[in-house]
Amino acid sequence: MEFAEVKASFTYRFGGFMRKAILPFIGVTAALSFVASAPVHAQSLQAAAKAFDVAGVQSIQFAGSGRWFQFGQAPDPSLAWPRFDVSRYVADIDYTAASARVQITRSQTIDAGRLRPAPVEQRVDQYVSGPYAWNLPTTAPAQGTVPAAVPQPAAVAERAAEIWATPQGFLKAALATPRVRIVATSIES
């Protein structure tokens, strides 16, 4: 499959002034809208599964670094969510066991105008397996002890969704789901 960048320009009125905007994504948006409106065929799903070698992939690991914005923690509705610099992100996913481990090393970024404690490095070690989710402490336990898992039952759905939201996970779930027929109806008022 090949992708092409499409650039388009248009002129619009705003406050009595004419402005010209370049929208490189408008063509892609139009193409995706067209594709999304077309019927999805089993052959397309099979082709995507073959392209991603879904049958051969039992587990996957991906890693990265970047920025993370903490959802729901803005001190004021008009402010952006708190930003964290992520120096390490590693996700290990096992599709056959429907389990995952995510390790994150991050530190909060100081933004001008916000009162925050001095940034410290935070380490997160999250797990999910079937109907269970837990975190492991990332600090060294007392000598001779084993770190105790901290149950996270409220995180099961979110962490499981992250497994199936990967490209291979999505295709595995779609192939495992029996056919569903959607019938459109109209409602008149």
N, C-alpha and C. Protein backbone atom coordinates (compact mmCIF):
# COMPACT_ATOMS: atom_id res chain seq x y z
N MET A 1 0.85 -1.17 0.00
CA MET A 1 0.00 0.00 0.00
C MET A 1 0.89 1.23 0.00
N GLU A 2 0.57 2.21 -0.80
CA GLU A 2 1.34 3.43 -0.87
C GLU A 2 0.53 4.59 -0.34
N PHE A 3 1.22 5.53 0.28
CA PHE A 3 0.58 6.72 0.79
C PHE A 3 1.19 7.93 0.11
N ALA A 4 0.42 8.94 -0.10
CA ALA A 4 0.91 10.17 -0.72
C ALA A 4 0.49 11.35 0.14
N GLU A 5 1.36 12.32 0.21
CA GLU A 5 1.01 13.53 0.94
C GLU A 5 0.24 14.44 -0.01
N VAL A 6 -0.87 14.92 0.44
CA VAL A 6 -1.70 15.79 -0.39
C VAL A 6 -1.77 17.14 0.30
N LYS A 7 -1.43 18.19 -0.44
CA LYS A 7 -1.52 19.54 0.11
C LYS A 7 -2.63 20.28 -0.62
N ALA A 8 -3.37 21.03 0.12
CA ALA A 8 -4.45 21.81 -0.47
C ALA A 8 -4.46 23.19 0.18
N SER A 9 -4.93 24.15 -0.54
CA SER A 9 -5.05 25.48 0.05
C SER A 9 -6.45 26.01 -0.21
N PHE A 10 -6.92 26.84 0.68
CA PHE A 10 -8.20 27.47 0.49
C PHE A 10 -8.18 28.81 1.20
N THR A 11 -9.10 29.64 0.86
CA THR A 11 -9.19 30.97 1.45
C THR A 11 -10.50 31.05 2.23
N TYR A 12 -10.43 31.64 3.41
CA TYR A 12 -11.64 31.78 4.20
C TYR A 12 -11.67 33.18 4.82
N ARG A 13 -12.87 33.61 5.19
CA ARG A 13 -13.05 34.92 5.81
C ARG A 13 -13.10 34.75 7.32
N PHE A 14 -12.37 35.63 8.00
CA PHE A 14 -12.40 35.62 9.46
C PHE A 14 -12.29 37.06 9.92
N GLY A 15 -13.32 37.56 10.55
CA GLY A 15 -13.30 38.92 11.06
C GLY A 15 -13.12 39.98 9.98
N GLY A 16 -13.63 39.71 8.76
CA GLY A 16 -13.51 40.68 7.69
C GLY A 16 -12.21 40.60 6.92
N PHE A 17 -11.26 39.78 7.37
CA PHE A 17 -9.98 39.66 6.69
C PHE A 17 -9.95 38.35 5.90
N MET A 18 -9.26 38.38 4.79
CA MET A 18 -9.07 37.17 4.00
C MET A 18 -7.77 36.53 4.46
N ARG A 19 -7.82 35.25 4.72
CA ARG A 19 -6.62 34.53 5.12
C ARG A 19 -6.48 33.28 4.28
N LYS A 20 -5.27 32.93 3.95
CA LYS A 20 -5.01 31.74 3.17
C LYS A 20 -4.37 30.71 4.09
N ALA A 21 -4.89 29.50 4.06
CA ALA A 21 -4.38 28.45 4.93
C ALA A 21 -3.93 27.27 4.08
N ILE A 22 -2.84 26.69 4.44
CA ILE A 22 -2.35 25.46 3.80
C ILE A 22 -2.68 24.31 4.74
N LEU A 23 -3.43 23.36 4.26
CA LEU A 23 -3.81 22.22 5.10
C LEU A 23 -3.30 20.94 4.45
N PRO A 24 -2.14 20.47 4.86
CA PRO A 24 -1.60 19.26 4.24
C PRO A 24 -2.42 18.02 4.51
N PHE A 25 -3.27 18.07 5.51
CA PHE A 25 -4.04 16.89 5.87
C PHE A 25 -5.43 16.84 5.24
N ILE A 26 -5.85 17.87 4.53
CA ILE A 26 -7.22 17.88 4.02
C ILE A 26 -7.44 16.77 2.99
N GLY A 27 -6.46 16.55 2.14
CA GLY A 27 -6.59 15.47 1.16
C GLY A 27 -6.61 14.10 1.81
N VAL A 28 -5.77 13.93 2.82
CA VAL A 28 -5.74 12.65 3.54
C VAL A 28 -7.06 12.44 4.26
N THR A 29 -7.59 13.49 4.86
CA THR A 29 -8.88 13.39 5.55
C THR A 29 -9.98 13.00 4.57
N ALA A 30 -9.99 13.61 3.41
CA ALA A 30 -11.00 13.28 2.41
C ALA A 30 -10.86 11.83 1.95
N ALA A 31 -9.61 11.41 1.74
CA ALA A 31 -9.39 10.02 1.31
C ALA A 31 -9.82 9.03 2.38
N LEU A 32 -9.48 9.33 3.64
CA LEU A 32 -9.89 8.44 4.72
C LEU A 32 -11.41 8.41 4.88
N SER A 33 -12.05 9.54 4.68
CA SER A 33 -13.51 9.58 4.77
C SER A 33 -14.13 8.71 3.69
N PHE A 34 -13.57 8.76 2.48
CA PHE A 34 -14.06 7.94 1.39
C PHE A 34 -13.87 6.46 1.71
N VAL A 35 -12.68 6.12 2.20
CA VAL A 35 -12.40 4.72 2.52
C VAL A 35 -13.30 4.24 3.66
N ALA A 36 -13.51 5.09 4.66
CA ALA A 36 -14.34 4.70 5.79
C ALA A 36 -15.79 4.49 5.39
N SER A 37 -16.23 5.18 4.35
CA SER A 37 -17.63 5.04 3.94
C SER A 37 -17.84 3.82 3.05
N ALA A 38 -16.77 3.26 2.52
CA ALA A 38 -16.88 2.07 1.67
C ALA A 38 -17.11 0.84 2.54
N PRO A 39 -17.80 -0.16 2.03
CA PRO A 39 -18.02 -1.37 2.82
C PRO A 39 -16.70 -2.09 3.08
N VAL A 40 -16.60 -2.64 4.27
CA VAL A 40 -15.40 -3.38 4.66
C VAL A 40 -15.60 -4.83 4.28
N HIS A 41 -14.66 -5.39 3.58
CA HIS A 41 -14.76 -6.77 3.13
C HIS A 41 -13.83 -7.65 3.94
N ALA A 42 -14.19 -8.92 4.07
CA ALA A 42 -13.35 -9.88 4.77
C ALA A 42 -11.99 -9.98 4.10
N GLN A 43 -11.96 -9.81 2.77
CA GLN A 43 -10.68 -9.87 2.06
C GLN A 43 -9.75 -8.75 2.51
N SER A 44 -10.29 -7.57 2.78
CA SER A 44 -9.47 -6.45 3.24
C SER A 44 -8.87 -6.76 4.61
N LEU A 45 -9.67 -7.33 5.46
CA LEU A 45 -9.20 -7.70 6.79
C LEU A 45 -8.12 -8.77 6.68
N GLN A 46 -8.34 -9.75 5.84
CA GLN A 46 -7.34 -10.80 5.64
C GLN A 46 -6.05 -10.23 5.06
N ALA A 47 -6.16 -9.30 4.13
CA ALA A 47 -4.98 -8.68 3.52
C ALA A 47 -4.18 -7.90 4.56
N ALA A 48 -4.88 -7.16 5.41
CA ALA A 48 -4.20 -6.41 6.47
C ALA A 48 -3.52 -7.36 7.45
N ALA A 49 -4.20 -8.44 7.81
CA ALA A 49 -3.64 -9.43 8.73
C ALA A 49 -2.38 -10.07 8.13
N LYS A 50 -2.41 -10.33 6.85
CA LYS A 50 -1.25 -10.92 6.18
C LYS A 50 -0.09 -9.91 6.14
N ALA A 51 -0.40 -8.65 5.85
CA ALA A 51 0.63 -7.62 5.77
C ALA A 51 1.33 -7.43 7.12
N PHE A 52 0.59 -7.56 8.21
CA PHE A 52 1.15 -7.40 9.55
C PHE A 52 1.62 -8.73 10.15
N ASP A 53 1.52 -9.83 9.39
CA ASP A 53 1.89 -11.16 9.86
C ASP A 53 1.23 -11.46 11.22
N VAL A 54 -0.06 -11.18 11.30
CA VAL A 54 -0.80 -11.33 12.55
C VAL A 54 -0.77 -12.78 13.05
N ALA A 55 -0.83 -13.74 12.14
CA ALA A 55 -0.81 -15.15 12.56
C ALA A 55 0.53 -15.52 13.19
N GLY A 56 1.60 -14.90 12.75
CA GLY A 56 2.93 -15.23 13.26
C GLY A 56 3.34 -14.43 14.48
N VAL A 57 2.64 -13.35 14.76
CA VAL A 57 3.00 -12.49 15.89
C VAL A 57 2.25 -12.94 17.14
N GLN A 58 2.98 -13.42 18.13
CA GLN A 58 2.38 -13.82 19.39
C GLN A 58 2.62 -12.77 20.48
N SER A 59 3.71 -12.02 20.33
CA SER A 59 4.03 -10.98 21.29
C SER A 59 4.76 -9.86 20.56
N ILE A 60 4.82 -8.71 21.21
CA ILE A 60 5.45 -7.56 20.59
C ILE A 60 6.03 -6.69 21.69
N GLN A 61 7.11 -6.00 21.37
CA GLN A 61 7.69 -5.03 22.30
C GLN A 61 7.95 -3.75 21.52
N PHE A 62 7.61 -2.64 22.12
CA PHE A 62 7.98 -1.38 21.51
C PHE A 62 8.47 -0.44 22.59
N ALA A 63 9.34 0.48 22.20
CA ALA A 63 9.97 1.38 23.15
C ALA A 63 10.06 2.76 22.54
N GLY A 64 10.18 3.75 23.40
CA GLY A 64 10.32 5.11 22.91
C GLY A 64 10.57 6.09 24.03
N SER A 65 10.60 7.35 23.67
CA SER A 65 10.73 8.44 24.62
C SER A 65 9.99 9.63 24.04
N GLY A 66 9.73 10.63 24.86
CA GLY A 66 9.01 11.79 24.35
C GLY A 66 8.34 12.56 25.47
N ARG A 67 7.10 12.98 25.22
CA ARG A 67 6.34 13.75 26.22
C ARG A 67 5.01 13.07 26.51
N TRP A 68 4.54 13.28 27.71
CA TRP A 68 3.28 12.70 28.17
C TRP A 68 2.54 13.84 28.87
N PHE A 69 1.25 13.98 28.56
CA PHE A 69 0.43 14.98 29.22
C PHE A 69 -0.59 14.25 30.08
N GLN A 70 -0.60 14.54 31.38
CA GLN A 70 -1.44 13.83 32.33
C GLN A 70 -2.89 14.28 32.21
N PHE A 71 -3.73 13.40 31.68
CA PHE A 71 -5.14 13.69 31.47
C PHE A 71 -5.85 13.98 32.79
N GLY A 72 -6.68 15.00 32.79
CA GLY A 72 -7.55 15.28 33.93
C GLY A 72 -6.88 15.93 35.11
N GLN A 73 -5.64 16.38 34.98
CA GLN A 73 -4.94 16.95 36.12
C GLN A 73 -4.62 18.43 35.98
N ALA A 74 -5.23 19.11 35.03
CA ALA A 74 -4.97 20.54 34.87
C ALA A 74 -5.53 21.28 36.08
N PRO A 75 -4.75 22.20 36.64
CA PRO A 75 -5.23 22.93 37.81
C PRO A 75 -6.33 23.93 37.50
N ASP A 76 -6.51 24.24 36.22
CA ASP A 76 -7.52 25.19 35.79
C ASP A 76 -7.99 24.74 34.41
N PRO A 77 -9.30 24.83 34.12
CA PRO A 77 -9.79 24.36 32.83
C PRO A 77 -9.16 25.06 31.62
N SER A 78 -8.64 26.26 31.80
CA SER A 78 -8.05 26.98 30.68
C SER A 78 -6.58 26.62 30.46
N LEU A 79 -6.00 25.84 31.36
CA LEU A 79 -4.59 25.48 31.24
C LEU A 79 -4.42 24.10 30.63
N ALA A 80 -3.27 23.89 30.02
CA ALA A 80 -2.95 22.58 29.45
C ALA A 80 -2.73 21.56 30.57
N TRP A 81 -2.84 20.30 30.21
CA TRP A 81 -2.57 19.25 31.19
C TRP A 81 -1.09 19.26 31.55
N PRO A 82 -0.74 18.82 32.75
CA PRO A 82 0.67 18.81 33.14
C PRO A 82 1.51 17.96 32.19
N ARG A 83 2.67 18.48 31.84
CA ARG A 83 3.57 17.81 30.90
C ARG A 83 4.66 17.06 31.65
N PHE A 84 4.96 15.87 31.17
CA PHE A 84 6.04 15.06 31.70
C PHE A 84 6.99 14.74 30.56
N ASP A 85 8.28 14.80 30.82
CA ASP A 85 9.27 14.33 29.86
C ASP A 85 9.48 12.85 30.15
N VAL A 86 9.29 12.02 29.14
CA VAL A 86 9.43 10.57 29.28
C VAL A 86 10.78 10.18 28.68
N SER A 87 11.68 9.72 29.55
CA SER A 87 13.00 9.31 29.06
C SER A 87 13.02 7.84 28.64
N ARG A 88 12.05 7.06 29.12
CA ARG A 88 12.00 5.64 28.75
C ARG A 88 10.55 5.15 28.80
N TYR A 89 10.14 4.50 27.74
CA TYR A 89 8.82 3.86 27.68
C TYR A 89 9.02 2.52 26.98
N VAL A 90 8.70 1.43 27.67
CA VAL A 90 8.83 0.09 27.09
C VAL A 90 7.54 -0.66 27.37
N ALA A 91 6.93 -1.18 26.33
CA ALA A 91 5.71 -1.99 26.47
C ALA A 91 5.98 -3.37 25.89
N ASP A 92 5.72 -4.39 26.70
CA ASP A 92 5.81 -5.79 26.27
C ASP A 92 4.39 -6.34 26.28
N ILE A 93 3.92 -6.84 25.14
CA ILE A 93 2.55 -7.34 25.03
C ILE A 93 2.58 -8.78 24.56
N ASP A 94 1.85 -9.64 25.27
CA ASP A 94 1.69 -11.05 24.89
C ASP A 94 0.23 -11.25 24.51
N TYR A 95 -0.01 -11.42 23.20
CA TYR A 95 -1.38 -11.54 22.71
C TYR A 95 -2.02 -12.87 23.11
N THR A 96 -1.24 -13.94 23.18
CA THR A 96 -1.81 -15.24 23.50
C THR A 96 -2.32 -15.29 24.93
N ALA A 97 -1.65 -14.60 25.84
CA ALA A 97 -2.08 -14.57 27.24
C ALA A 97 -2.90 -13.33 27.57
N ALA A 98 -3.09 -12.45 26.60
CA ALA A 98 -3.79 -11.17 26.82
C ALA A 98 -3.20 -10.46 28.03
N SER A 99 -1.87 -10.30 28.00
CA SER A 99 -1.18 -9.67 29.12
C SER A 99 -0.18 -8.65 28.60
N ALA A 100 0.19 -7.73 29.48
CA ALA A 100 1.14 -6.69 29.09
C ALA A 100 1.88 -6.18 30.31
N ARG A 101 3.08 -5.66 30.05
CA ARG A 101 3.87 -4.95 31.05
C ARG A 101 4.32 -3.65 30.42
N VAL A 102 4.12 -2.53 31.11
CA VAL A 102 4.54 -1.22 30.63
C VAL A 102 5.42 -0.60 31.70
N GLN A 103 6.62 -0.20 31.28
CA GLN A 103 7.56 0.47 32.18
C GLN A 103 7.79 1.89 31.66
N ILE A 104 7.64 2.86 32.55
CA ILE A 104 7.77 4.26 32.18
C ILE A 104 8.71 4.95 33.15
N THR A 105 9.64 5.74 32.63
CA THR A 105 10.48 6.61 33.45
C THR A 105 10.19 8.02 32.97
N ARG A 106 9.73 8.87 33.89
CA ARG A 106 9.31 10.21 33.52
C ARG A 106 9.64 11.21 34.62
N SER A 107 9.67 12.49 34.25
CA SER A 107 9.79 13.55 35.24
C SER A 107 8.92 14.71 34.78
N GLN A 108 8.28 15.35 35.74
CA GLN A 108 7.36 16.44 35.41
C GLN A 108 8.15 17.67 34.98
N THR A 109 7.63 18.35 33.97
CA THR A 109 8.27 19.55 33.44
C THR A 109 7.73 20.76 34.18
N ILE A 110 8.61 21.67 34.51
CA ILE A 110 8.19 22.90 35.17
C ILE A 110 7.73 23.89 34.11
N ASP A 111 6.49 24.35 34.22
CA ASP A 111 5.93 25.34 33.32
C ASP A 111 5.88 26.68 34.04
N ALA A 112 6.17 27.75 33.31
CA ALA A 112 6.10 29.08 33.89
C ALA A 112 4.68 29.37 34.37
N GLY A 113 4.56 29.97 35.53
CA GLY A 113 3.25 30.34 36.05
C GLY A 113 2.53 29.24 36.81
N ARG A 114 3.14 28.08 36.93
CA ARG A 114 2.53 26.99 37.70
C ARG A 114 3.40 26.63 38.88
N LEU A 115 2.76 26.53 40.02
CA LEU A 115 3.49 26.13 41.22
C LEU A 115 3.48 24.61 41.30
N ARG A 116 4.66 24.06 41.28
CA ARG A 116 4.81 22.60 41.35
C ARG A 116 6.03 22.28 42.18
N PRO A 117 6.04 21.09 42.73
CA PRO A 117 7.26 20.69 43.44
C PRO A 117 8.39 20.49 42.43
N ALA A 118 9.61 20.49 42.93
CA ALA A 118 10.75 20.25 42.04
C ALA A 118 10.58 18.89 41.37
N PRO A 119 10.88 18.81 40.08
CA PRO A 119 10.68 17.55 39.38
C PRO A 119 11.62 16.46 39.88
N VAL A 120 11.06 15.30 40.05
CA VAL A 120 11.84 14.12 40.41
C VAL A 120 11.53 13.03 39.40
N GLU A 121 12.47 12.15 39.20
CA GLU A 121 12.24 11.05 38.27
C GLU A 121 11.25 10.07 38.89
N GLN A 122 10.24 9.72 38.13
CA GLN A 122 9.23 8.75 38.58
C GLN A 122 9.32 7.53 37.68
N ARG A 123 9.23 6.36 38.29
CA ARG A 123 9.25 5.11 37.54
C ARG A 123 7.94 4.39 37.78
N VAL A 124 7.38 3.88 36.71
CA VAL A 124 6.10 3.17 36.76
C VAL A 124 6.33 1.79 36.17
N ASP A 125 5.79 0.76 36.82
CA ASP A 125 5.89 -0.62 36.35
C ASP A 125 4.49 -1.22 36.44
N GLN A 126 3.75 -1.23 35.31
CA GLN A 126 2.35 -1.64 35.28
C GLN A 126 2.19 -2.99 34.57
N TYR A 127 1.23 -3.77 35.07
CA TYR A 127 0.95 -5.08 34.50
C TYR A 127 -0.55 -5.27 34.31
N VAL A 128 -0.91 -6.12 33.35
CA VAL A 128 -2.28 -6.59 33.20
C VAL A 128 -2.20 -8.00 32.64
N SER A 129 -3.05 -8.86 33.14
CA SER A 129 -3.14 -10.22 32.63
C SER A 129 -4.56 -10.70 32.87
N GLY A 130 -5.30 -10.91 31.78
CA GLY A 130 -6.69 -11.34 31.92
C GLY A 130 -7.48 -10.33 32.75
N PRO A 131 -8.16 -10.80 33.80
CA PRO A 131 -8.99 -9.90 34.60
C PRO A 131 -8.24 -9.20 35.74
N TYR A 132 -6.90 -9.25 35.72
CA TYR A 132 -6.12 -8.68 36.82
C TYR A 132 -5.16 -7.62 36.32
N ALA A 133 -5.03 -6.55 37.10
CA ALA A 133 -4.05 -5.51 36.83
C ALA A 133 -3.36 -5.18 38.14
N TRP A 134 -2.06 -4.87 38.07
CA TRP A 134 -1.32 -4.53 39.26
C TRP A 134 -0.11 -3.70 38.88
N ASN A 135 0.46 -3.05 39.88
CA ASN A 135 1.71 -2.30 39.73
C ASN A 135 2.73 -2.91 40.67
N LEU A 136 3.99 -2.83 40.29
CA LEU A 136 5.06 -3.23 41.20
C LEU A 136 5.80 -1.97 41.63
N PRO A 137 6.16 -1.92 42.91
CA PRO A 137 6.94 -0.76 43.36
C PRO A 137 8.26 -0.72 42.61
N THR A 138 8.73 0.48 42.31
CA THR A 138 9.97 0.61 41.56
C THR A 138 11.14 0.98 42.46
N THR A 139 10.88 1.17 43.74
CA THR A 139 11.98 1.42 44.68
C THR A 139 12.49 0.08 45.18
N ALA A 140 13.72 0.06 45.56
CA ALA A 140 14.32 -1.19 46.04
C ALA A 140 13.67 -1.60 47.36
N PRO A 141 13.25 -2.86 47.46
CA PRO A 141 12.65 -3.31 48.73
C PRO A 141 13.74 -3.51 49.78
N ALA A 142 13.29 -3.64 51.01
CA ALA A 142 14.24 -3.90 52.10
C ALA A 142 15.00 -5.18 51.78
N GLN A 143 16.23 -5.22 52.22
CA GLN A 143 17.07 -6.38 51.90
C GLN A 143 16.42 -7.67 52.39
N GLY A 144 16.39 -8.65 51.49
CA GLY A 144 15.83 -9.95 51.84
C GLY A 144 14.33 -10.05 51.62
N THR A 145 13.69 -8.99 51.10
CA THR A 145 12.25 -9.03 50.84
C THR A 145 11.98 -8.93 49.35
N VAL A 146 10.80 -9.32 48.98
CA VAL A 146 10.37 -9.27 47.59
C VAL A 146 9.36 -8.13 47.45
N PRO A 147 9.44 -7.33 46.37
CA PRO A 147 8.45 -6.26 46.22
C PRO A 147 7.04 -6.84 46.12
N ALA A 148 6.11 -6.21 46.81
CA ALA A 148 4.72 -6.68 46.82
C ALA A 148 3.93 -5.98 45.72
N ALA A 149 3.16 -6.77 44.99
CA ALA A 149 2.30 -6.21 43.94
C ALA A 149 1.17 -5.41 44.57
N VAL A 150 0.81 -4.31 43.92
CA VAL A 150 -0.29 -3.46 44.38
C VAL A 150 -1.43 -3.64 43.38
N PRO A 151 -2.53 -4.28 43.79
CA PRO A 151 -3.66 -4.50 42.86
C PRO A 151 -4.20 -3.19 42.31
N GLN A 152 -4.59 -3.21 41.02
CA GLN A 152 -5.16 -2.04 40.35
C GLN A 152 -6.42 -2.47 39.59
N PRO A 153 -7.47 -2.93 40.29
CA PRO A 153 -8.65 -3.45 39.58
C PRO A 153 -9.33 -2.42 38.68
N ALA A 154 -9.25 -1.15 39.00
CA ALA A 154 -9.89 -0.13 38.16
C ALA A 154 -9.14 0.08 36.85
N ALA A 155 -7.92 -0.44 36.73
CA ALA A 155 -7.11 -0.23 35.52
C ALA A 155 -7.22 -1.38 34.53
N VAL A 156 -7.94 -2.45 34.85
CA VAL A 156 -7.99 -3.62 33.98
C VAL A 156 -8.52 -3.27 32.59
N ALA A 157 -9.65 -2.60 32.50
CA ALA A 157 -10.26 -2.30 31.20
C ALA A 157 -9.35 -1.43 30.34
N GLU A 158 -8.77 -0.39 30.93
CA GLU A 158 -7.90 0.50 30.16
C GLU A 158 -6.66 -0.23 29.67
N ARG A 159 -6.03 -0.99 30.53
CA ARG A 159 -4.80 -1.69 30.13
C ARG A 159 -5.09 -2.79 29.11
N ALA A 160 -6.22 -3.47 29.24
CA ALA A 160 -6.59 -4.49 28.25
C ALA A 160 -6.89 -3.82 26.91
N ALA A 161 -7.53 -2.67 26.93
CA ALA A 161 -7.82 -1.94 25.69
C ALA A 161 -6.53 -1.54 24.98
N GLU A 162 -5.49 -1.21 25.74
CA GLU A 162 -4.21 -0.84 25.14
C GLU A 162 -3.60 -2.03 24.39
N ILE A 163 -3.82 -3.24 24.86
CA ILE A 163 -3.33 -4.43 24.15
C ILE A 163 -3.99 -4.53 22.79
N TRP A 164 -5.30 -4.41 22.76
CA TRP A 164 -6.06 -4.62 21.52
C TRP A 164 -6.10 -3.38 20.65
N ALA A 165 -5.54 -2.26 21.11
CA ALA A 165 -5.48 -1.05 20.31
C ALA A 165 -4.22 -0.99 19.44
N THR A 166 -3.28 -1.91 19.66
CA THR A 166 -2.12 -1.99 18.77
C THR A 166 -2.58 -2.50 17.41
N PRO A 167 -1.88 -2.22 16.33
CA PRO A 167 -2.33 -2.71 15.02
C PRO A 167 -2.53 -4.23 14.98
N GLN A 168 -1.56 -4.99 15.50
CA GLN A 168 -1.70 -6.44 15.48
C GLN A 168 -2.82 -6.90 16.41
N GLY A 169 -2.95 -6.26 17.55
CA GLY A 169 -4.02 -6.61 18.48
C GLY A 169 -5.39 -6.34 17.90
N PHE A 170 -5.53 -5.20 17.23
CA PHE A 170 -6.81 -4.87 16.60
C PHE A 170 -7.19 -5.92 15.57
N LEU A 171 -6.22 -6.29 14.72
CA LEU A 171 -6.51 -7.28 13.67
C LEU A 171 -6.80 -8.65 14.27
N LYS A 172 -6.06 -9.05 15.32
CA LYS A 172 -6.33 -10.33 15.98
C LYS A 172 -7.75 -10.34 16.55
N ALA A 173 -8.16 -9.26 17.19
CA ALA A 173 -9.50 -9.19 17.77
C ALA A 173 -10.57 -9.20 16.68
N ALA A 174 -10.31 -8.48 15.58
CA ALA A 174 -11.29 -8.45 14.49
C ALA A 174 -11.46 -9.82 13.85
N LEU A 175 -10.36 -10.53 13.69
CA LEU A 175 -10.43 -11.87 13.09
C LEU A 175 -11.11 -12.87 14.02
N ALA A 176 -10.99 -12.66 15.32
CA ALA A 176 -11.58 -13.58 16.29
C ALA A 176 -13.05 -13.31 16.55
N THR A 177 -13.55 -12.16 16.11
CA THR A 177 -14.93 -11.77 16.36
C THR A 177 -15.83 -12.34 15.27
N PRO A 178 -16.92 -12.99 15.65
CA PRO A 178 -17.84 -13.48 14.62
C PRO A 178 -18.45 -12.30 13.86
N ARG A 179 -18.90 -12.59 12.65
CA ARG A 179 -19.49 -11.53 11.83
C ARG A 179 -20.69 -10.90 12.53
N VAL A 180 -20.74 -9.61 12.42
CA VAL A 180 -21.85 -8.84 12.99
C VAL A 180 -22.51 -8.09 11.85
N ARG A 181 -23.80 -8.16 11.80
CA ARG A 181 -24.54 -7.45 10.76
C ARG A 181 -25.19 -6.22 11.39
N ILE A 182 -24.91 -5.07 10.81
CA ILE A 182 -25.49 -3.82 11.31
C ILE A 182 -26.57 -3.39 10.34
N VAL A 183 -27.74 -3.16 10.86
CA VAL A 183 -28.86 -2.74 10.02
C VAL A 183 -29.16 -1.29 10.36
N ALA A 184 -29.13 -0.45 9.35
CA ALA A 184 -29.42 0.97 9.56
C ALA A 184 -30.92 1.19 9.60
N THR A 185 -31.36 2.00 10.51
CA THR A 185 -32.76 2.39 10.60
C THR A 185 -32.84 3.90 10.61
N SER A 186 -33.96 4.42 10.25
CA SER A 186 -34.13 5.85 10.28
C SER A 186 -35.17 6.21 11.34
N ILE A 187 -34.94 7.36 11.93
CA ILE A 187 -35.88 7.86 12.95
C ILE A 187 -36.42 9.17 12.42
N GLU A 188 -37.70 9.27 12.34
CA GLU A 188 -38.32 10.50 11.86
C GLU A 188 -38.94 11.23 13.04
N SER A 189 -38.80 12.52 13.02
CA SER A 189 -39.40 13.30 14.13
C SER A 189 -40.54 14.14 13.61
